[in-house]
Amino acid sequence: MTFPIPAHYAPAYAVHDAPADAVEPPHPALIRNKRGVADPAKTWPQHSVLNIALLNMTQEQKKWVKHNINHVGAPHTNLYFKFVDTANGDIRIIANNHASSAWSKVGTDAKKVAQPTPTMSIGFKGSPANIAATIQHEFGHALGLKHEHQHPDQPLAFNEQQIYEDYEARGKSPWQADHNILQKLTHDKVSVSPYDQNSIMHYRFPASWLSNGKPVRGR
């Protein structure tokens, strides 16, 4: 379930608002092949219908979120996505118009969150390109994906001290650096496809964070 980042992150066609009961079916021949770094304990059952609630969003924001979910999600999974007009859903996405940051519960962890509390937050303060990438990345988490740069076979050599210093300068802890970047996952905990540096689930890294001095730019 590797989600490549579109070159320009923006839709190549006009986005139309889907009715609340629109369900995006998977490709008839599609079977679940584990792609990316997935947590088997948190992936949704095959052929599930996931009700997706969009909270505190303008109509344009709803169109943008739906487009990015359908563009990168529907073609690559055997799940059905149904956008609902209520505050209750399996995945509940709220807009944050005052931040560029975002977060999401991983896969079925969303079930542990009481309705109608959000299970995902998208910051809409930023460029359309960054917002699109953020939606795609966080929805990958919502489907049960982990970070690609924490792939068990990821070959990057990090400059750990520099990462810790940069995290500290931003008011974040060494634990956060370990949890989000440095700590590799193990094969016994995740299902993986070959490591893909171009995955939407892979962070971009500055040259100073790599021992070889070469940045990771992704796509």
N, C-alpha and C. Protein backbone atom coordinates (compact mmCIF):
# COMPACT_ATOMS: atom_id res chain seq x y z
N MET A 1 0.83 -1.18 0.00
CA MET A 1 0.00 0.00 0.00
C MET A 1 0.88 1.25 0.00
N THR A 2 1.82 1.29 -0.87
CA THR A 2 2.70 2.44 -0.99
C THR A 2 2.00 3.52 -1.79
N PHE A 3 1.94 4.72 -1.24
CA PHE A 3 1.26 5.81 -1.91
C PHE A 3 2.30 6.77 -2.48
N PRO A 4 2.57 6.76 -3.79
CA PRO A 4 3.52 7.71 -4.36
C PRO A 4 2.95 9.10 -4.31
N ILE A 5 3.81 10.09 -4.08
CA ILE A 5 3.36 11.47 -4.03
C ILE A 5 3.24 12.00 -5.45
N PRO A 6 2.08 12.52 -5.85
CA PRO A 6 1.98 13.11 -7.18
C PRO A 6 2.99 14.22 -7.35
N ALA A 7 3.50 14.40 -8.55
CA ALA A 7 4.58 15.34 -8.80
C ALA A 7 4.23 16.74 -8.33
N HIS A 8 2.97 17.16 -8.50
CA HIS A 8 2.59 18.51 -8.13
C HIS A 8 1.61 18.53 -6.97
N TYR A 9 1.25 17.40 -6.47
CA TYR A 9 0.35 17.23 -5.33
C TYR A 9 -1.07 17.70 -5.59
N ALA A 10 -1.34 18.34 -6.71
CA ALA A 10 -2.65 18.93 -6.94
C ALA A 10 -3.46 18.08 -7.89
N PRO A 11 -4.80 18.16 -7.84
CA PRO A 11 -5.62 17.37 -8.74
C PRO A 11 -5.44 17.81 -10.18
N ALA A 12 -5.48 16.85 -11.09
CA ALA A 12 -5.30 17.15 -12.50
C ALA A 12 -6.64 17.39 -13.17
N TYR A 13 -7.71 17.40 -12.38
CA TYR A 13 -9.03 17.60 -12.95
C TYR A 13 -9.90 18.28 -11.90
N ALA A 14 -11.04 18.79 -12.33
CA ALA A 14 -11.94 19.45 -11.39
C ALA A 14 -12.47 18.44 -10.39
N VAL A 15 -12.55 18.85 -9.15
CA VAL A 15 -13.04 17.97 -8.10
C VAL A 15 -14.52 18.27 -7.87
N HIS A 16 -15.35 17.24 -7.85
CA HIS A 16 -16.77 17.42 -7.63
C HIS A 16 -17.16 16.81 -6.30
N ASP A 17 -18.06 17.46 -5.62
CA ASP A 17 -18.50 16.99 -4.31
C ASP A 17 -19.30 15.71 -4.48
N ALA A 18 -18.92 14.66 -3.76
CA ALA A 18 -19.63 13.39 -3.86
C ALA A 18 -20.80 13.38 -2.90
N PRO A 19 -21.92 12.76 -3.26
CA PRO A 19 -23.03 12.64 -2.32
C PRO A 19 -22.63 11.82 -1.11
N ALA A 20 -23.37 11.99 -0.03
CA ALA A 20 -22.99 11.35 1.23
C ALA A 20 -22.92 9.85 1.12
N ASP A 21 -23.74 9.25 0.28
CA ASP A 21 -23.78 7.79 0.21
C ASP A 21 -22.90 7.23 -0.89
N ALA A 22 -22.02 8.05 -1.45
CA ALA A 22 -21.15 7.55 -2.52
C ALA A 22 -20.11 6.62 -1.92
N VAL A 23 -19.99 5.45 -2.50
CA VAL A 23 -19.01 4.47 -2.05
C VAL A 23 -18.03 4.21 -3.17
N GLU A 24 -16.75 4.33 -2.87
CA GLU A 24 -15.71 4.08 -3.87
C GLU A 24 -15.30 2.62 -3.78
N PRO A 25 -15.67 1.77 -4.74
CA PRO A 25 -15.32 0.35 -4.66
C PRO A 25 -13.89 0.11 -5.05
N PRO A 26 -13.27 -0.93 -4.52
CA PRO A 26 -11.93 -1.30 -4.98
C PRO A 26 -12.02 -1.90 -6.36
N HIS A 27 -10.87 -1.98 -7.02
CA HIS A 27 -10.82 -2.61 -8.33
C HIS A 27 -11.28 -4.07 -8.18
N PRO A 28 -12.12 -4.58 -9.08
CA PRO A 28 -12.65 -5.94 -8.93
C PRO A 28 -11.58 -7.01 -8.78
N ALA A 29 -10.44 -6.81 -9.43
CA ALA A 29 -9.40 -7.84 -9.40
C ALA A 29 -8.42 -7.63 -8.26
N LEU A 30 -8.64 -6.58 -7.46
CA LEU A 30 -7.67 -6.23 -6.44
C LEU A 30 -7.75 -7.18 -5.25
N ILE A 31 -6.63 -7.69 -4.83
CA ILE A 31 -6.54 -8.43 -3.58
C ILE A 31 -5.54 -7.70 -2.72
N ARG A 32 -5.59 -7.94 -1.43
CA ARG A 32 -4.72 -7.19 -0.54
C ARG A 32 -3.31 -7.76 -0.60
N ASN A 33 -2.43 -7.02 -1.22
CA ASN A 33 -1.01 -7.32 -1.18
C ASN A 33 -0.38 -6.30 -0.26
N LYS A 34 0.29 -6.77 0.78
CA LYS A 34 0.88 -5.86 1.74
C LYS A 34 1.96 -5.03 1.06
N ARG A 35 1.73 -3.74 0.97
CA ARG A 35 2.69 -2.83 0.38
C ARG A 35 2.90 -1.69 1.35
N GLY A 36 4.15 -1.24 1.43
CA GLY A 36 4.46 -0.27 2.45
C GLY A 36 4.79 -0.99 3.74
N VAL A 37 4.66 -0.28 4.85
CA VAL A 37 4.92 -0.84 6.17
C VAL A 37 3.60 -0.83 6.92
N ALA A 38 2.97 -1.98 7.02
CA ALA A 38 1.63 -2.07 7.62
C ALA A 38 1.67 -2.84 8.93
N ASP A 39 0.85 -2.39 9.85
CA ASP A 39 0.69 -3.09 11.13
C ASP A 39 -0.50 -4.04 11.00
N PRO A 40 -0.26 -5.35 10.88
CA PRO A 40 -1.36 -6.31 10.66
C PRO A 40 -2.41 -6.27 11.75
N ALA A 41 -2.01 -5.89 12.95
CA ALA A 41 -2.96 -5.85 14.06
C ALA A 41 -3.91 -4.66 13.97
N LYS A 42 -3.60 -3.72 13.06
CA LYS A 42 -4.39 -2.49 13.01
C LYS A 42 -4.98 -2.20 11.63
N THR A 43 -4.77 -3.10 10.66
CA THR A 43 -5.37 -2.88 9.35
C THR A 43 -6.85 -3.27 9.40
N TRP A 44 -7.63 -2.60 8.59
CA TRP A 44 -9.07 -2.87 8.55
C TRP A 44 -9.34 -4.18 7.81
N PRO A 45 -10.37 -4.93 8.21
CA PRO A 45 -10.69 -6.19 7.52
C PRO A 45 -10.95 -5.96 6.04
N GLN A 46 -10.56 -6.93 5.23
CA GLN A 46 -10.75 -6.80 3.79
C GLN A 46 -12.22 -6.57 3.45
N HIS A 47 -12.43 -5.71 2.46
CA HIS A 47 -13.76 -5.38 1.92
C HIS A 47 -14.65 -4.65 2.92
N SER A 48 -14.03 -4.06 3.94
CA SER A 48 -14.80 -3.25 4.88
C SER A 48 -15.31 -1.98 4.20
N VAL A 49 -16.47 -1.51 4.64
CA VAL A 49 -16.96 -0.19 4.26
C VAL A 49 -16.59 0.77 5.39
N LEU A 50 -15.73 1.73 5.09
CA LEU A 50 -15.30 2.70 6.09
C LEU A 50 -16.10 3.98 5.93
N ASN A 51 -16.88 4.31 6.94
CA ASN A 51 -17.61 5.58 6.94
C ASN A 51 -16.66 6.69 7.37
N ILE A 52 -16.57 7.72 6.55
CA ILE A 52 -15.62 8.81 6.80
C ILE A 52 -16.40 10.10 7.02
N ALA A 53 -16.26 10.67 8.21
CA ALA A 53 -16.92 11.93 8.55
C ALA A 53 -15.92 13.07 8.44
N LEU A 54 -16.33 14.16 7.79
CA LEU A 54 -15.50 15.34 7.61
C LEU A 54 -16.06 16.45 8.48
N LEU A 55 -15.28 16.87 9.47
CA LEU A 55 -15.77 17.77 10.51
C LEU A 55 -15.16 19.16 10.40
N ASN A 56 -15.97 20.17 10.65
CA ASN A 56 -15.50 21.56 10.72
C ASN A 56 -14.81 21.99 9.44
N MET A 57 -15.33 21.54 8.29
CA MET A 57 -14.70 21.85 7.00
C MET A 57 -15.63 22.65 6.11
N THR A 58 -15.03 23.53 5.31
CA THR A 58 -15.77 24.20 4.26
C THR A 58 -16.03 23.19 3.14
N GLN A 59 -16.91 23.55 2.21
CA GLN A 59 -17.17 22.66 1.09
C GLN A 59 -15.91 22.44 0.26
N GLU A 60 -15.11 23.47 0.09
CA GLU A 60 -13.87 23.32 -0.68
C GLU A 60 -12.90 22.39 0.02
N GLN A 61 -12.80 22.49 1.33
CA GLN A 61 -11.93 21.60 2.08
C GLN A 61 -12.41 20.16 1.98
N LYS A 62 -13.72 19.96 2.03
CA LYS A 62 -14.27 18.61 1.89
C LYS A 62 -13.92 18.03 0.52
N LYS A 63 -14.05 18.83 -0.53
CA LYS A 63 -13.71 18.37 -1.87
C LYS A 63 -12.24 17.97 -1.94
N TRP A 64 -11.38 18.77 -1.34
CA TRP A 64 -9.94 18.53 -1.38
C TRP A 64 -9.58 17.25 -0.63
N VAL A 65 -10.20 17.05 0.53
CA VAL A 65 -9.94 15.84 1.31
C VAL A 65 -10.45 14.61 0.56
N LYS A 66 -11.67 14.68 0.04
CA LYS A 66 -12.23 13.54 -0.70
C LYS A 66 -11.37 13.19 -1.90
N HIS A 67 -10.93 14.21 -2.62
CA HIS A 67 -10.10 13.95 -3.80
C HIS A 67 -8.84 13.20 -3.42
N ASN A 68 -8.14 13.66 -2.39
CA ASN A 68 -6.87 13.04 -2.03
C ASN A 68 -7.05 11.65 -1.44
N ILE A 69 -8.13 11.43 -0.72
CA ILE A 69 -8.41 10.09 -0.21
C ILE A 69 -8.72 9.14 -1.35
N ASN A 70 -9.59 9.55 -2.26
CA ASN A 70 -9.96 8.68 -3.37
C ASN A 70 -8.81 8.49 -4.36
N HIS A 71 -8.01 9.52 -4.53
CA HIS A 71 -6.91 9.45 -5.50
C HIS A 71 -5.84 8.46 -5.07
N VAL A 72 -5.50 8.45 -3.79
CA VAL A 72 -4.42 7.58 -3.34
C VAL A 72 -4.90 6.36 -2.58
N GLY A 73 -6.15 6.38 -2.09
CA GLY A 73 -6.63 5.26 -1.30
C GLY A 73 -7.39 4.24 -2.09
N ALA A 74 -8.45 4.65 -2.75
CA ALA A 74 -9.33 3.71 -3.44
C ALA A 74 -8.63 2.82 -4.45
N PRO A 75 -7.69 3.34 -5.27
CA PRO A 75 -7.05 2.46 -6.26
C PRO A 75 -6.09 1.43 -5.66
N HIS A 76 -5.72 1.59 -4.38
CA HIS A 76 -4.65 0.77 -3.81
C HIS A 76 -5.12 -0.13 -2.67
N THR A 77 -6.41 -0.15 -2.38
CA THR A 77 -6.89 -0.99 -1.29
C THR A 77 -8.12 -1.78 -1.76
N ASN A 78 -8.52 -2.74 -0.96
CA ASN A 78 -9.78 -3.43 -1.22
C ASN A 78 -10.80 -3.03 -0.16
N LEU A 79 -10.78 -1.75 0.18
CA LEU A 79 -11.73 -1.17 1.12
C LEU A 79 -12.68 -0.24 0.37
N TYR A 80 -13.85 -0.02 0.95
CA TYR A 80 -14.83 0.90 0.38
C TYR A 80 -14.87 2.16 1.25
N PHE A 81 -14.84 3.31 0.63
CA PHE A 81 -14.87 4.57 1.37
C PHE A 81 -16.22 5.26 1.16
N LYS A 82 -16.92 5.50 2.25
CA LYS A 82 -18.23 6.15 2.19
C LYS A 82 -18.18 7.43 3.03
N PHE A 83 -18.36 8.56 2.38
CA PHE A 83 -18.36 9.84 3.08
C PHE A 83 -19.76 10.12 3.61
N VAL A 84 -19.84 10.41 4.90
CA VAL A 84 -21.14 10.59 5.55
C VAL A 84 -21.31 12.03 6.00
N ASP A 85 -22.57 12.44 6.14
CA ASP A 85 -22.88 13.82 6.50
C ASP A 85 -23.11 14.01 7.99
N THR A 86 -22.77 13.00 8.77
CA THR A 86 -22.92 13.10 10.23
C THR A 86 -21.54 13.22 10.87
N ALA A 87 -21.53 13.46 12.17
CA ALA A 87 -20.27 13.57 12.90
C ALA A 87 -19.73 12.21 13.31
N ASN A 88 -20.51 11.17 13.09
CA ASN A 88 -20.09 9.82 13.46
C ASN A 88 -19.58 9.06 12.24
N GLY A 89 -18.46 8.40 12.39
CA GLY A 89 -17.89 7.61 11.32
C GLY A 89 -16.78 6.75 11.85
N ASP A 90 -16.33 5.79 11.06
CA ASP A 90 -15.19 4.97 11.46
C ASP A 90 -13.93 5.81 11.53
N ILE A 91 -13.79 6.73 10.57
CA ILE A 91 -12.68 7.68 10.54
C ILE A 91 -13.30 9.07 10.56
N ARG A 92 -12.89 9.90 11.51
CA ARG A 92 -13.48 11.23 11.68
C ARG A 92 -12.38 12.28 11.56
N ILE A 93 -12.44 13.04 10.48
CA ILE A 93 -11.36 13.96 10.13
C ILE A 93 -11.81 15.39 10.40
N ILE A 94 -11.06 16.10 11.23
CA ILE A 94 -11.40 17.48 11.55
C ILE A 94 -10.38 18.42 10.93
N ALA A 95 -10.85 19.58 10.49
CA ALA A 95 -9.97 20.59 9.93
C ALA A 95 -9.42 21.47 11.05
N ASN A 96 -8.14 21.79 10.94
CA ASN A 96 -7.51 22.77 11.83
C ASN A 96 -7.02 23.91 10.94
N ASN A 97 -7.71 25.03 10.98
CA ASN A 97 -7.39 26.14 10.10
C ASN A 97 -6.31 27.06 10.65
N HIS A 98 -5.75 26.70 11.79
CA HIS A 98 -4.76 27.56 12.43
C HIS A 98 -3.39 26.90 12.52
N ALA A 99 -3.21 25.76 11.85
CA ALA A 99 -1.94 25.03 11.95
C ALA A 99 -1.65 24.32 10.64
N SER A 100 -0.40 23.95 10.46
CA SER A 100 0.00 23.14 9.31
C SER A 100 0.27 21.70 9.72
N SER A 101 0.25 21.44 11.02
CA SER A 101 0.54 20.10 11.53
C SER A 101 -0.69 19.21 11.41
N ALA A 102 -0.48 17.92 11.58
CA ALA A 102 -1.56 16.95 11.44
C ALA A 102 -1.23 15.70 12.24
N TRP A 103 -2.27 14.90 12.48
CA TRP A 103 -2.07 13.63 13.18
C TRP A 103 -3.22 12.69 12.82
N SER A 104 -3.00 11.40 13.08
CA SER A 104 -4.05 10.41 12.84
C SER A 104 -3.85 9.20 13.73
N LYS A 105 -4.94 8.62 14.16
CA LYS A 105 -4.87 7.30 14.77
C LYS A 105 -4.48 6.29 13.70
N VAL A 106 -3.78 5.25 14.10
CA VAL A 106 -3.32 4.24 13.14
C VAL A 106 -4.37 3.14 13.01
N GLY A 107 -4.91 3.01 11.80
CA GLY A 107 -5.84 1.93 11.50
C GLY A 107 -6.98 1.80 12.48
N THR A 108 -7.20 0.58 12.95
CA THR A 108 -8.35 0.29 13.81
C THR A 108 -8.21 0.85 15.22
N ASP A 109 -7.10 1.52 15.53
CA ASP A 109 -7.03 2.25 16.80
C ASP A 109 -8.14 3.30 16.86
N ALA A 110 -8.64 3.70 15.69
CA ALA A 110 -9.74 4.68 15.65
C ALA A 110 -10.97 4.17 16.39
N LYS A 111 -11.12 2.85 16.45
CA LYS A 111 -12.29 2.27 17.14
C LYS A 111 -12.26 2.55 18.64
N LYS A 112 -11.08 2.83 19.17
CA LYS A 112 -10.94 3.07 20.60
C LYS A 112 -11.32 4.49 21.00
N VAL A 113 -11.58 5.34 20.00
CA VAL A 113 -11.91 6.74 20.25
C VAL A 113 -13.43 6.91 20.24
N ALA A 114 -13.97 7.44 21.31
CA ALA A 114 -15.42 7.58 21.43
C ALA A 114 -15.98 8.54 20.38
N GLN A 115 -17.11 8.18 19.80
CA GLN A 115 -17.82 9.06 18.87
C GLN A 115 -18.30 10.30 19.63
N PRO A 116 -18.32 11.49 19.02
CA PRO A 116 -17.83 11.82 17.67
C PRO A 116 -16.45 12.47 17.71
N THR A 117 -15.63 12.11 18.70
CA THR A 117 -14.29 12.69 18.81
C THR A 117 -13.48 12.39 17.55
N PRO A 118 -12.75 13.37 17.01
CA PRO A 118 -11.98 13.13 15.78
C PRO A 118 -10.92 12.05 15.96
N THR A 119 -10.65 11.33 14.90
CA THR A 119 -9.56 10.35 14.87
C THR A 119 -8.42 10.82 13.99
N MET A 120 -8.61 11.96 13.34
CA MET A 120 -7.57 12.55 12.49
C MET A 120 -7.77 14.06 12.46
N SER A 121 -6.65 14.78 12.39
CA SER A 121 -6.70 16.24 12.26
C SER A 121 -5.79 16.65 11.12
N ILE A 122 -6.30 17.53 10.25
CA ILE A 122 -5.52 18.04 9.12
C ILE A 122 -5.36 19.54 9.25
N GLY A 123 -4.11 20.01 9.26
CA GLY A 123 -3.86 21.45 9.28
C GLY A 123 -3.97 22.02 7.88
N PHE A 124 -4.80 23.04 7.71
CA PHE A 124 -5.01 23.64 6.40
C PHE A 124 -4.25 24.95 6.24
N LYS A 125 -3.32 25.22 7.12
CA LYS A 125 -2.50 26.42 7.00
C LYS A 125 -1.23 26.05 6.25
N GLY A 126 -1.21 26.26 4.95
CA GLY A 126 -0.06 25.89 4.14
C GLY A 126 -0.43 25.90 2.68
N SER A 127 0.53 25.53 1.84
CA SER A 127 0.30 25.51 0.40
C SER A 127 -0.58 24.33 0.03
N PRO A 128 -1.29 24.41 -1.11
CA PRO A 128 -2.09 23.27 -1.56
C PRO A 128 -1.26 21.99 -1.69
N ALA A 129 -0.01 22.14 -2.14
CA ALA A 129 0.85 20.96 -2.29
C ALA A 129 1.09 20.28 -0.95
N ASN A 130 1.42 21.08 0.06
CA ASN A 130 1.70 20.50 1.37
C ASN A 130 0.44 19.92 2.01
N ILE A 131 -0.68 20.59 1.82
CA ILE A 131 -1.93 20.08 2.39
C ILE A 131 -2.30 18.74 1.75
N ALA A 132 -2.15 18.65 0.43
CA ALA A 132 -2.46 17.40 -0.26
C ALA A 132 -1.58 16.26 0.25
N ALA A 133 -0.28 16.53 0.37
CA ALA A 133 0.64 15.51 0.86
C ALA A 133 0.30 15.10 2.28
N THR A 134 -0.10 16.08 3.09
CA THR A 134 -0.47 15.79 4.47
C THR A 134 -1.70 14.89 4.54
N ILE A 135 -2.72 15.20 3.74
CA ILE A 135 -3.93 14.38 3.72
C ILE A 135 -3.59 12.94 3.34
N GLN A 136 -2.79 12.79 2.29
CA GLN A 136 -2.43 11.46 1.82
C GLN A 136 -1.65 10.69 2.87
N HIS A 137 -0.70 11.37 3.51
CA HIS A 137 0.13 10.73 4.53
C HIS A 137 -0.72 10.29 5.73
N GLU A 138 -1.54 11.19 6.23
CA GLU A 138 -2.33 10.86 7.42
C GLU A 138 -3.38 9.79 7.12
N PHE A 139 -3.93 9.81 5.90
CA PHE A 139 -4.89 8.76 5.57
C PHE A 139 -4.19 7.41 5.45
N GLY A 140 -2.93 7.41 5.03
CA GLY A 140 -2.15 6.17 5.06
C GLY A 140 -2.08 5.61 6.46
N HIS A 141 -1.84 6.49 7.45
CA HIS A 141 -1.86 6.04 8.84
C HIS A 141 -3.24 5.49 9.21
N ALA A 142 -4.29 6.18 8.76
CA ALA A 142 -5.65 5.75 9.10
C ALA A 142 -5.98 4.36 8.56
N LEU A 143 -5.27 3.97 7.50
CA LEU A 143 -5.47 2.63 6.92
C LEU A 143 -4.61 1.57 7.61
N GLY A 144 -3.70 2.00 8.48
CA GLY A 144 -2.86 1.05 9.20
C GLY A 144 -1.40 1.07 8.82
N LEU A 145 -0.99 2.08 8.06
CA LEU A 145 0.40 2.16 7.62
C LEU A 145 1.27 2.89 8.63
N LYS A 146 2.51 2.44 8.76
CA LYS A 146 3.52 3.10 9.56
C LYS A 146 4.41 3.94 8.64
N HIS A 147 5.41 4.58 9.22
CA HIS A 147 6.32 5.40 8.43
C HIS A 147 7.26 4.53 7.60
N GLU A 148 7.39 4.87 6.33
CA GLU A 148 8.26 4.10 5.44
C GLU A 148 9.72 4.22 5.84
N HIS A 149 10.14 5.37 6.38
CA HIS A 149 11.54 5.53 6.78
C HIS A 149 11.88 4.72 8.03
N GLN A 150 10.88 4.06 8.62
CA GLN A 150 11.13 3.15 9.74
C GLN A 150 11.01 1.69 9.31
N HIS A 151 11.04 1.49 8.00
CA HIS A 151 11.04 0.15 7.41
C HIS A 151 12.20 -0.67 7.99
N PRO A 152 11.97 -1.94 8.30
CA PRO A 152 13.06 -2.76 8.87
C PRO A 152 14.31 -2.79 8.00
N ASP A 153 14.16 -2.65 6.68
CA ASP A 153 15.31 -2.74 5.77
C ASP A 153 15.75 -1.37 5.26
N GLN A 154 15.29 -0.32 5.88
CA GLN A 154 15.68 1.03 5.48
C GLN A 154 17.18 1.21 5.66
N PRO A 155 17.90 1.67 4.62
CA PRO A 155 19.36 1.69 4.66
C PRO A 155 19.98 3.02 5.08
N LEU A 156 19.19 4.01 5.45
CA LEU A 156 19.72 5.34 5.73
C LEU A 156 20.57 5.34 7.01
N ALA A 157 21.66 6.10 6.95
CA ALA A 157 22.52 6.28 8.13
C ALA A 157 22.27 7.69 8.66
N PHE A 158 21.59 7.79 9.79
CA PHE A 158 21.21 9.08 10.33
C PHE A 158 22.31 9.69 11.19
N ASN A 159 22.35 11.01 11.18
CA ASN A 159 23.18 11.77 12.11
C ASN A 159 22.32 12.02 13.35
N GLU A 160 22.32 11.07 14.25
CA GLU A 160 21.38 11.09 15.36
C GLU A 160 21.54 12.32 16.25
N GLN A 161 22.78 12.71 16.53
CA GLN A 161 23.00 13.85 17.41
C GLN A 161 22.39 15.12 16.84
N GLN A 162 22.53 15.31 15.53
CA GLN A 162 21.96 16.49 14.89
C GLN A 162 20.43 16.47 14.96
N ILE A 163 19.86 15.29 14.78
CA ILE A 163 18.40 15.17 14.85
C ILE A 163 17.91 15.49 16.26
N TYR A 164 18.60 14.96 17.27
CA TYR A 164 18.21 15.26 18.65
C TYR A 164 18.31 16.76 18.93
N GLU A 165 19.38 17.39 18.46
CA GLU A 165 19.56 18.83 18.69
C GLU A 165 18.46 19.64 18.00
N ASP A 166 18.13 19.26 16.78
CA ASP A 166 17.09 19.99 16.06
C ASP A 166 15.72 19.79 16.72
N TYR A 167 15.48 18.58 17.19
CA TYR A 167 14.22 18.33 17.89
C TYR A 167 14.14 19.15 19.18
N GLU A 168 15.24 19.20 19.91
CA GLU A 168 15.26 19.97 21.15
C GLU A 168 15.01 21.45 20.88
N ALA A 169 15.60 21.96 19.78
CA ALA A 169 15.41 23.37 19.42
C ALA A 169 13.95 23.69 19.10
N ARG A 170 13.20 22.67 18.71
CA ARG A 170 11.78 22.84 18.39
C ARG A 170 10.88 22.48 19.57
N GLY A 171 11.51 22.27 20.73
CA GLY A 171 10.74 21.97 21.92
C GLY A 171 10.24 20.55 21.99
N LYS A 172 10.89 19.65 21.25
CA LYS A 172 10.48 18.25 21.24
C LYS A 172 11.54 17.39 21.91
N SER A 173 11.13 16.22 22.35
CA SER A 173 11.99 15.35 23.16
C SER A 173 12.76 14.35 22.31
N PRO A 174 13.85 13.79 22.86
CA PRO A 174 14.56 12.71 22.17
C PRO A 174 13.65 11.52 21.90
N TRP A 175 12.72 11.25 22.82
CA TRP A 175 11.79 10.14 22.60
C TRP A 175 10.99 10.36 21.33
N GLN A 176 10.57 11.59 21.07
CA GLN A 176 9.80 11.88 19.86
C GLN A 176 10.64 11.65 18.61
N ALA A 177 11.92 12.01 18.68
CA ALA A 177 12.82 11.76 17.55
C ALA A 177 12.97 10.26 17.30
N ASP A 178 13.13 9.52 18.37
CA ASP A 178 13.24 8.06 18.24
C ASP A 178 11.95 7.47 17.68
N HIS A 179 10.83 7.88 18.25
CA HIS A 179 9.53 7.29 17.90
C HIS A 179 9.13 7.61 16.46
N ASN A 180 9.41 8.82 16.00
CA ASN A 180 8.95 9.25 14.68
C ASN A 180 9.95 9.03 13.55
N ILE A 181 11.24 8.89 13.90
CA ILE A 181 12.25 8.85 12.84
C ILE A 181 13.24 7.71 13.00
N LEU A 182 13.93 7.65 14.13
CA LEU A 182 15.12 6.82 14.24
C LEU A 182 14.85 5.34 14.51
N GLN A 183 13.78 5.06 15.18
CA GLN A 183 13.51 3.68 15.60
C GLN A 183 12.97 2.85 14.43
N LYS A 184 13.74 1.85 14.02
CA LYS A 184 13.27 0.95 12.97
C LYS A 184 12.25 -0.04 13.55
N LEU A 185 11.29 -0.38 12.72
CA LEU A 185 10.34 -1.42 13.09
C LEU A 185 10.95 -2.79 12.78
N THR A 186 10.41 -3.82 13.36
CA THR A 186 10.97 -5.16 13.17
C THR A 186 10.04 -6.02 12.33
N HIS A 187 10.63 -6.96 11.61
CA HIS A 187 9.86 -7.80 10.68
C HIS A 187 8.76 -8.60 11.38
N ASP A 188 8.95 -8.91 12.65
CA ASP A 188 7.93 -9.70 13.34
C ASP A 188 6.72 -8.86 13.76
N LYS A 189 6.81 -7.55 13.61
CA LYS A 189 5.72 -6.67 14.02
C LYS A 189 4.94 -6.07 12.85
N VAL A 190 5.54 -6.05 11.66
CA VAL A 190 4.91 -5.39 10.52
C VAL A 190 4.98 -6.26 9.27
N SER A 191 4.06 -6.00 8.35
CA SER A 191 4.10 -6.62 7.02
C SER A 191 4.64 -5.57 6.06
N VAL A 192 5.59 -5.95 5.23
CA VAL A 192 6.26 -4.94 4.41
C VAL A 192 6.40 -5.39 2.96
N SER A 193 6.54 -4.41 2.09
CA SER A 193 7.03 -4.61 0.74
C SER A 193 8.43 -4.02 0.72
N PRO A 194 9.18 -4.14 -0.38
CA PRO A 194 10.52 -3.57 -0.41
C PRO A 194 10.51 -2.07 -0.07
N TYR A 195 11.53 -1.64 0.61
CA TYR A 195 11.68 -0.24 1.02
C TYR A 195 11.53 0.70 -0.16
N ASP A 196 10.73 1.75 0.01
CA ASP A 196 10.45 2.70 -1.07
C ASP A 196 10.64 4.13 -0.57
N GLN A 197 11.74 4.75 -0.98
CA GLN A 197 12.05 6.10 -0.53
C GLN A 197 11.06 7.13 -1.09
N ASN A 198 10.33 6.76 -2.14
CA ASN A 198 9.37 7.68 -2.75
C ASN A 198 7.95 7.55 -2.19
N SER A 199 7.78 6.73 -1.18
CA SER A 199 6.46 6.53 -0.59
C SER A 199 5.96 7.82 0.05
N ILE A 200 4.64 8.04 -0.02
CA ILE A 200 4.03 9.17 0.67
C ILE A 200 4.20 9.04 2.18
N MET A 201 4.50 7.84 2.67
CA MET A 201 4.68 7.62 4.10
C MET A 201 6.12 7.86 4.55
N HIS A 202 6.97 8.31 3.64
CA HIS A 202 8.39 8.58 3.95
C HIS A 202 8.58 10.06 4.18
N TYR A 203 9.23 10.41 5.28
CA TYR A 203 9.56 11.82 5.53
C TYR A 203 10.67 12.28 4.58
N ARG A 204 10.72 13.58 4.37
CA ARG A 204 11.87 14.20 3.71
C ARG A 204 12.85 14.64 4.79
N PHE A 205 14.15 14.47 4.51
CA PHE A 205 15.17 14.79 5.50
C PHE A 205 16.21 15.74 4.93
N PRO A 206 16.65 16.74 5.72
CA PRO A 206 17.72 17.64 5.26
C PRO A 206 19.06 16.92 5.26
N ALA A 207 20.00 17.47 4.51
CA ALA A 207 21.33 16.85 4.39
C ALA A 207 21.99 16.68 5.75
N SER A 208 21.76 17.63 6.66
CA SER A 208 22.42 17.58 7.97
C SER A 208 21.97 16.40 8.82
N TRP A 209 20.86 15.78 8.46
CA TRP A 209 20.37 14.64 9.23
C TRP A 209 20.91 13.31 8.74
N LEU A 210 21.63 13.32 7.63
CA LEU A 210 22.18 12.09 7.07
C LEU A 210 23.70 12.10 7.16
N SER A 211 24.28 10.97 7.51
CA SER A 211 25.73 10.88 7.67
C SER A 211 26.47 11.14 6.37
N ASN A 212 25.84 10.82 5.24
CA ASN A 212 26.49 11.03 3.95
C ASN A 212 26.29 12.44 3.40
N GLY A 213 25.55 13.27 4.14
CA GLY A 213 25.35 14.65 3.72
C GLY A 213 24.44 14.84 2.53
N LYS A 214 23.68 13.81 2.17
CA LYS A 214 22.77 13.91 1.04
C LYS A 214 21.32 13.93 1.55
N PRO A 215 20.55 14.94 1.16
CA PRO A 215 19.17 15.01 1.64
C PRO A 215 18.30 13.92 1.03
N VAL A 216 17.25 13.59 1.70
CA VAL A 216 16.23 12.70 1.16
C VAL A 216 15.05 13.57 0.78
N ARG A 217 14.81 13.70 -0.50
CA ARG A 217 13.80 14.64 -0.99
C ARG A 217 12.48 13.96 -1.32
N GLY A 218 12.46 12.65 -1.43
CA GLY A 218 11.24 11.99 -1.84
C GLY A 218 10.89 12.38 -3.26
N ARG A 219 9.57 12.36 -3.55
CA ARG A 219 9.10 12.74 -4.87
C ARG A 219 8.26 13.99 -4.81
